[in-house]
C-alpha atoms as a PDB file:
ATOM      1  CA  MET A   1      11.218   8.943 -12.850  1.00  0.00           C
ATOM      2  CA  ARG A   2       9.403  11.439 -10.028  1.00  0.00           C
ATOM      3  CA  PRO A   3       5.777  10.705  -9.967  1.00  0.00           C
ATOM      4  CA  ARG A   4       3.210  12.992 -11.005  1.00  0.00           C
ATOM      5  CA  GLU A   5       0.286  13.194  -8.395  1.00  0.00           C
ATOM      6  CA  ASN A   6       0.302  11.464  -5.378  1.00  0.00           C
ATOM      7  CA  PHE A   7      -1.451   8.288  -6.540  1.00  0.00           C
ATOM      8  CA  PHE A   8      -0.551   4.419  -7.726  1.00  0.00           C
ATOM      9  CA  GLU A   9      -2.129   1.790  -9.235  1.00  0.00           C
ATOM     10  CA  GLU A  10      -1.791  -1.762  -9.513  1.00  0.00           C
ATOM     11  CA  GLN A  11      -3.539  -4.420 -10.954  1.00  0.00           C
ATOM     12  CA  GLN A  12      -3.564  -8.063 -10.043  1.00  0.00           C
ATOM     13  CA  THR A  13      -6.137 -11.521 -10.895  1.00  0.00           C
ATOM     14  CA  VAL A  14      -7.475 -13.440  -8.686  1.00  0.00           C
ATOM     15  CA  ARG A  15      -5.893 -16.899  -8.230  1.00  0.00           C
ATOM     16  CA  PHE A  16      -7.105 -20.195  -7.272  1.00  0.00           C
ATOM     17  CA  GLN A  17      -4.882 -19.863  -4.701  1.00  0.00           C
ATOM     18  CA  HIS A  18      -6.034 -16.606  -3.213  1.00  0.00           C
ATOM     19  CA  CYS A  19      -9.829 -18.593  -3.200  1.00  0.00           C
ATOM     20  CA  ASP A  20     -11.611 -21.269  -0.774  1.00  0.00           C
ATOM     21  CA  PRO A  21     -13.645 -23.708  -2.108  1.00  0.00           C
ATOM     22  CA  ALA A  22     -16.488 -21.954  -3.373  1.00  0.00           C
ATOM     23  CA  GLY A  23     -14.301 -19.875  -5.665  1.00  0.00           C
ATOM     24  CA  ILE A  24     -14.169 -16.063  -2.965  1.00  0.00           C
ATOM     25  CA  VAL A  25     -11.258 -14.442  -1.639  1.00  0.00           C
ATOM     26  CA  PHE A  26      -9.977 -16.217   1.337  1.00  0.00           C
ATOM     27  CA  TYR A  27     -10.079 -13.027   3.393  1.00  0.00           C
ATOM     28  CA  PRO A  28      -6.240 -13.320   4.677  1.00  0.00           C
ATOM     29  CA  ARG A  29      -5.588 -13.669   0.568  1.00  0.00           C
ATOM     30  CA  TYR A  30      -5.956 -10.091   0.306  1.00  0.00           C
ATOM     31  CA  TYR A  31      -3.072  -8.707   2.546  1.00  0.00           C
ATOM     32  CA  GLU A  32      -1.265 -11.010   0.282  1.00  0.00           C
ATOM     33  CA  MET A  33      -2.187  -8.702  -2.294  1.00  0.00           C
ATOM     34  CA  LEU A  34      -1.941  -5.612  -0.417  1.00  0.00           C
ATOM     35  CA  ASN A  35       1.474  -6.043   0.343  1.00  0.00           C
ATOM     36  CA  LEU A  36       2.214  -7.183  -3.247  1.00  0.00           C
ATOM     37  CA  THR A  37       0.905  -3.267  -3.956  1.00  0.00           C
ATOM     38  CA  VAL A  38       2.917  -1.728  -1.359  1.00  0.00           C
ATOM     39  CA  GLU A  39       5.991  -3.853  -2.663  1.00  0.00           C
ATOM     40  CA  ARG A  40       5.433  -2.544  -5.788  1.00  0.00           C
ATOM     41  CA  PHE A  41       5.005   0.795  -5.284  1.00  0.00           C
ATOM     42  CA  PHE A  42       8.274   1.003  -3.898  1.00  0.00           C
ATOM     43  CA  GLU A  43      10.087  -0.774  -6.585  1.00  0.00           C
ATOM     44  CA  ALA A  44       8.110   1.559  -9.128  1.00  0.00           C
ATOM     45  CA  GLN A  45       7.725   4.895  -7.291  1.00  0.00           C
ATOM     46  CA  LEU A  46      10.663   4.694  -5.004  1.00  0.00           C
ATOM     47  CA  GLY A  47      12.953   2.521  -7.006  1.00  0.00           C
ATOM     48  CA  HIS A  48      14.102   0.550  -4.034  1.00  0.00           C
ATOM     49  CA  SER A  49      12.702  -3.114  -3.598  1.00  0.00           C
ATOM     50  CA  PHE A  50      11.971  -4.722  -0.239  1.00  0.00           C
ATOM     51  CA  ASN A  51      15.628  -6.330  -0.834  1.00  0.00           C
ATOM     52  CA  ARG A  52      17.145  -3.334  -2.354  1.00  0.00           C
ATOM     53  CA  LEU A  53      15.869  -1.501   1.065  1.00  0.00           C
ATOM     54  CA  GLN A  54      17.533  -4.610   3.215  1.00  0.00           C
ATOM     55  CA  SER A  55      20.547  -5.431   0.895  1.00  0.00           C
ATOM     56  CA  GLU A  56      21.587  -1.563   0.753  1.00  0.00           C
ATOM     57  CA  LEU A  57      20.292   0.408   3.146  1.00  0.00           C
ATOM     58  CA  GLN A  58      19.783  -1.757   5.826  1.00  0.00           C
ATOM     59  CA  VAL A  59      16.656  -1.220   6.324  1.00  0.00           C
ATOM     60  CA  THR A  60      13.419  -3.189   6.505  1.00  0.00           C
ATOM     61  CA  VAL A  61       9.116  -1.605   6.261  1.00  0.00           C
ATOM     62  CA  PRO A  62       6.663  -4.276   8.619  1.00  0.00           C
ATOM     63  CA  THR A  63       3.558  -3.112   8.490  1.00  0.00           C
ATOM     64  CA  VAL A  64       2.190  -2.222  12.402  1.00  0.00           C
ATOM     65  CA  ARG A  65      -1.044  -1.500  11.755  1.00  0.00           C
ATOM     66  CA  MET A  66      -4.012  -1.858   9.084  1.00  0.00           C
ATOM     67  CA  GLU A  67      -7.524  -0.988   9.343  1.00  0.00           C
ATOM     68  CA  THR A  68      -9.868  -2.932   6.870  1.00  0.00           C
ATOM     69  CA  ASP A  69     -13.229  -2.601   5.753  1.00  0.00           C
ATOM     70  CA  PHE A  70     -14.360  -5.080   3.204  1.00  0.00           C
ATOM     71  CA  PHE A  71     -17.107  -4.534   1.378  1.00  0.00           C
ATOM     72  CA  GLU A  72     -18.023  -7.165  -1.291  1.00  0.00           C
ATOM     73  CA  ALA A  73     -16.696 -10.550  -2.321  1.00  0.00           C
ATOM     74  CA  SER A  74     -14.201 -11.418  -4.946  1.00  0.00           C
ATOM     75  CA  TYR A  75     -14.305 -14.220  -7.365  1.00  0.00           C
ATOM     76  CA  LEU A  76     -11.756 -16.802  -8.904  1.00  0.00           C
ATOM     77  CA  GLU A  77     -10.639 -14.812 -12.311  1.00  0.00           C
ATOM     78  CA  ASP A  78     -11.675 -10.816 -11.218  1.00  0.00           C
ATOM     79  CA  ARG A  79      -9.383  -8.581 -12.270  1.00  0.00           C
ATOM     80  CA  LEU A  80      -8.743  -6.188  -8.684  1.00  0.00           C
ATOM     81  CA  GLN A  81      -7.493  -2.574  -9.178  1.00  0.00           C
ATOM     82  CA  PHE A  82      -5.553  -1.531  -6.475  1.00  0.00           C
ATOM     83  CA  GLN A  83      -5.375   2.406  -5.917  1.00  0.00           C
ATOM     84  CA  MET A  84      -3.102   3.592  -3.264  1.00  0.00           C
ATOM     85  CA  LYS A  85      -2.386   7.443  -2.043  1.00  0.00           C
ATOM     86  CA  LEU A  86       0.098   8.579   0.560  1.00  0.00           C
ATOM     87  CA  ASN A  87      -1.123   9.899   3.587  1.00  0.00           C
ATOM     88  CA  ARG A  88       1.688  11.024   5.786  1.00  0.00           C
ATOM     89  CA  ILE A  89       5.224  10.539   6.899  1.00  0.00           C
ATOM     90  CA  GLY A  90       6.832  10.164  10.083  1.00  0.00           C
ATOM     91  CA  ARG A  91       9.663  10.499  11.385  1.00  0.00           C
ATOM     92  CA  SER A  92       9.788   6.323  10.695  1.00  0.00           C
ATOM     93  CA  SER A  93       6.582   5.566   9.793  1.00  0.00           C
ATOM     94  CA  LEU A  94       4.982   5.720   6.621  1.00  0.00           C
ATOM     95  CA  SER A  95       0.758   5.792   6.763  1.00  0.00           C
ATOM     96  CA  PHE A  96      -0.868   5.136   2.989  1.00  0.00           C
ATOM     97  CA  GLY A  97      -4.805   4.147   1.896  1.00  0.00           C
ATOM     98  CA  ILE A  98      -5.403   1.730  -0.222  1.00  0.00           C
ATOM     99  CA  SER A  99      -8.858   0.991  -1.821  1.00  0.00           C
ATOM    100  CA  CYS A 100      -9.717  -1.932  -3.991  1.00  0.00           C
ATOM    101  CA  TRP A 101     -12.254  -1.713  -7.134  1.00  0.00           C
ATOM    102  CA  CYS A 102     -13.629  -4.172  -9.893  1.00  0.00           C
ATOM    103  CA  ASN A 103     -16.017  -3.386 -12.394  1.00  0.00           C
ATOM    104  CA  GLY A 104     -16.494  -0.370 -10.584  1.00  0.00           C
ATOM    105  CA  GLU A 105     -17.400  -2.373  -7.519  1.00  0.00           C
ATOM    106  CA  GLU A 106     -14.944  -1.353  -4.594  1.00  0.00           C
ATOM    107  CA  ARG A 107     -14.403  -4.247  -2.837  1.00  0.00           C
ATOM    108  CA  LEU A 108     -12.473  -3.162   0.517  1.00  0.00           C
ATOM    109  CA  ARG A 109     -10.891  -0.168   1.646  1.00  0.00           C
ATOM    110  CA  THR A 110      -8.117  -0.191   3.837  1.00  0.00           C
ATOM    111  CA  ILE A 111      -5.181   2.526   6.244  1.00  0.00           C
ATOM    112  CA  ILE A 112      -1.971   0.979   6.532  1.00  0.00           C
ATOM    113  CA  THR A 113       0.886   2.451   8.388  1.00  0.00           C
ATOM    114  CA  LEU A 114       4.122   0.297   8.099  1.00  0.00           C
ATOM    115  CA  VAL A 115       7.542   1.384  10.217  1.00  0.00           C
ATOM    116  CA  CYS A 116      11.184   1.588   8.687  1.00  0.00           C
ATOM    117  CA  ILE A 117      13.461  -1.080  11.251  1.00  0.00           C
ATOM    118  CA  SER A 118      16.907  -0.977  11.376  1.00  0.00           C
ATOM    119  CA  LEU A 119      18.241  -4.114  10.812  1.00  0.00           C
ATOM    120  CA  SER A 120      21.175  -3.867  13.120  1.00  0.00           C
ATOM    121  CA  LYS A 121      19.332  -2.550  15.952  1.00  0.00           C
ATOM    122  CA  LYS A 122      16.145  -4.150  15.547  1.00  0.00           C
ATOM    123  CA  LYS A 123      14.109  -1.161  15.981  1.00  0.00           C
ATOM    124  CA  ALA A 124      12.892   1.639  14.365  1.00  0.00           C
ATOM    125  CA  THR A 125      15.072   4.315  12.886  1.00  0.00           C
ATOM    126  CA  PRO A 126      14.687   7.046  10.491  1.00  0.00           C
ATOM    127  CA  TRP A 127      13.739   7.005   6.862  1.00  0.00           C
ATOM    128  CA  PRO A 128      17.091   6.993   4.752  1.00  0.00           C
ATOM    129  CA  ASP A 129      17.112  10.360   3.054  1.00  0.00           C
ATOM    130  CA  VAL A 130      16.739   8.743  -0.312  1.00  0.00           C
ATOM    131  CA  ILE A 131      13.622   7.774   0.350  1.00  0.00           C
ATOM    132  CA  ARG A 132      12.179  10.634   2.614  1.00  0.00           C
ATOM    133  CA  SER A 133      12.915  12.870   0.004  1.00  0.00           C
ATOM    134  CA  GLN A 134      10.784  10.908  -2.812  1.00  0.00           C
ATOM    135  CA  ILE A 135       7.942  10.153  -0.300  1.00  0.00           C
ATOM    136  CA  GLU A 136       7.785  13.587   0.791  1.00  0.00           C
ATOM    137  CA  ASP A 137       7.791  14.634  -3.412  1.00  0.00           C
ATOM    138  CA  ILE A 138       5.189  12.185  -3.879  1.00  0.00           C
ATOM    139  CA  LEU A 139       2.647  13.851  -1.134  1.00  0.00           C
ATOM    140  CA  ASN A 140       3.552  17.361  -1.927  1.00  0.00           C
ATOM    141  CA  ALA A 141       2.207  16.169  -5.513  1.00  0.00           C
ATOM    142  CA  PRO A 142      -0.827  17.477  -6.922  1.00  0.00           C
ATOM    143  CA  GLU A 143      -4.391  15.916  -5.850  1.00  0.00           C
ATOM    144  CA  ALA A 144      -5.658  12.874  -7.748  1.00  0.00           C
ATOM    145  CA  ASP A 145      -8.944  12.581  -9.323  1.00  0.00           C
ATOM    146  CA  THR A 146      -9.687   9.418  -7.279  1.00  0.00           C
ATOM    147  CA  GLN A 147     -10.640   9.820  -3.680  1.00  0.00           C
ATOM    148  CA  ILE A 148      -9.789   6.975  -1.238  1.00  0.00           C
ATOM    149  CA  LYS A 149     -11.473   7.392   1.914  1.00  0.00           C
ATOM    150  CA  ARG A 150     -10.690   6.189   5.376  1.00  0.00           C
ATOM    151  CA  PRO A 151     -12.662   3.428   7.089  1.00  0.00           C
ATOM    152  CA  ASP A 152     -14.641   5.173   9.142  1.00  0.00           C
ATOM    153  CA  GLY A 153     -15.598   7.300   5.568  1.00  0.00           C
ATOM    154  CA  GLN A 154     -13.217  10.240   6.696  1.00  0.00           C
ATOM    155  CA  MET A 155     -10.924  11.434   3.585  1.00  0.00           C
ATOM    156  CA  ALA A 156      -7.644   9.213   3.518  1.00  0.00           C
ATOM    157  CA  LYS A 157      -5.471  12.475   3.669  1.00  0.00           C
ATOM    158  CA  GLU A 158      -6.855  13.733   6.792  1.00  0.00           C
ATOM    159  CA  LEU A 159      -5.083  11.220   8.723  1.00  0.00           C
END
């Protein structure tokens, strides 16, 4: 199924495992939630789980850069909405923005860059055609109503 717009949304509930003793999300746990959002995007929008990328396409997609602003704390049992938009695809990189919301309040905003790595060569490799074509379709899709800004306040699309 082809996406109709450049937008992906994922809901996650803050669990005890994410929190410090005060019941506030310990910031490194946000990175686990962000990674889960990326994994689910690959599964839902591209039809390739991280396992399938490795086993069938012989590539992996580690994060090589992440720039994050934290605005408000999140608490045990908060229901967080992670909203993702792709910014650009390079030869072997992919950049996108994710904004996390709860009850109309933005909790964090991040820009992430992944790189496609060949498992056999252990270095950057061009995106497999099946993944590249789907990402390009998303990037060429109509703009979503939601605007995700970079941590410096510029629009994510301007990256």
